[in-house]
Every structure is written in structure tokens, then in C-alpha cells.
Protein backbone atom coordinates (compact mmCIF):
# COMPACT_ATOMS: atom_id res chain seq x y z
CA LYS A 1 -16.06 -2.24 5.83
CA GLY A 2 -13.29 -4.32 7.62
CA GLY A 3 -10.21 -2.41 8.58
CA TYR A 4 -7.85 -1.37 11.43
CA PRO A 5 -9.39 1.31 13.56
CA VAL A 6 -6.85 4.22 14.22
CA ASP A 7 -6.55 6.70 17.20
CA SER A 8 -6.65 10.55 16.76
CA LYS A 9 -3.03 10.33 15.80
CA GLY A 10 -3.69 7.70 12.93
CA CYS A 11 -1.96 5.07 14.79
CA LYS A 12 -3.42 1.52 14.66
CA ILE A 13 -5.21 0.68 18.22
CA SER A 14 -2.98 -1.98 19.90
CA CYS A 15 -4.48 -4.85 21.87
CA VAL A 16 -3.16 -7.81 24.24
CA ILE A 17 -5.19 -10.94 22.91
CA ASN A 18 -8.46 -9.56 24.07
CA ASN A 19 -11.22 -9.41 21.40
CA GLU A 20 -13.76 -7.83 23.97
CA TYR A 21 -11.52 -4.76 23.95
CA CYS A 22 -11.40 -4.63 19.95
CA SER A 23 -15.28 -5.00 19.85
CA ARG A 24 -16.11 -2.06 21.86
CA ASP A 25 -15.85 0.54 18.98
CA CYS A 26 -16.75 -1.73 16.06
CA THR A 27 -19.60 -4.19 14.79
CA SER A 28 -17.14 -6.97 15.73
CA GLY A 29 -13.36 -7.07 16.22
CA TYR A 30 -10.42 -9.18 17.17
CA CYS A 31 -6.79 -9.02 17.94
CA TYR A 32 -4.72 -9.51 14.90
CA PHE A 33 -0.98 -10.37 14.94
CA LEU A 34 1.28 -8.04 12.80
CA ARG A 35 5.02 -8.09 12.41
CA TRP A 36 5.34 -5.36 15.16
CA GLY A 37 2.82 -6.67 17.33
CA LEU A 38 -0.98 -7.20 18.03
CA ALA A 39 -3.68 -4.75 16.64
CA CYS A 40 -7.25 -4.59 16.68
CA TRP A 41 -9.11 -5.76 13.36
CA CYS A 42 -12.71 -4.61 12.86
CA ASP A 43 -15.64 -5.44 10.79
CA GLY A 44 -17.83 -2.40 10.72
CA VAL A 45 -15.01 0.20 11.36
CA PRO A 46 -16.58 3.42 12.53
CA PRO A 47 -15.85 6.46 10.48
CA GLN A 48 -12.96 8.65 11.78
CA ARG A 49 -13.89 11.53 13.97
């Protein structure tokens, strides 16, 4: 399933135009531009811990 991975506080994980960073916890991921900045978008989002 695709989506924005979140941290332990429920905040989207931000990135700085670095797809490798986004892919470390997902099947594949990339930096995606949002109104407020950049966040990781992932295919294969891991379940929340």
C-alpha cells in the first residue's frame, strides 16, 4: 500500500530531495513536494510500530 510514513508522533517524515533516504524503510520511496515542504512518499509502507 502507498502512503506517507510517519514517525512515532504521527508526523510525516520530511526529506531533502533524497529518494535513497525515503527508500530505507519502504519497498520504494521518493521525496514528494507538499504545500509545506517535502515529505517521503512510499510504496510498501511498513505497519506502524
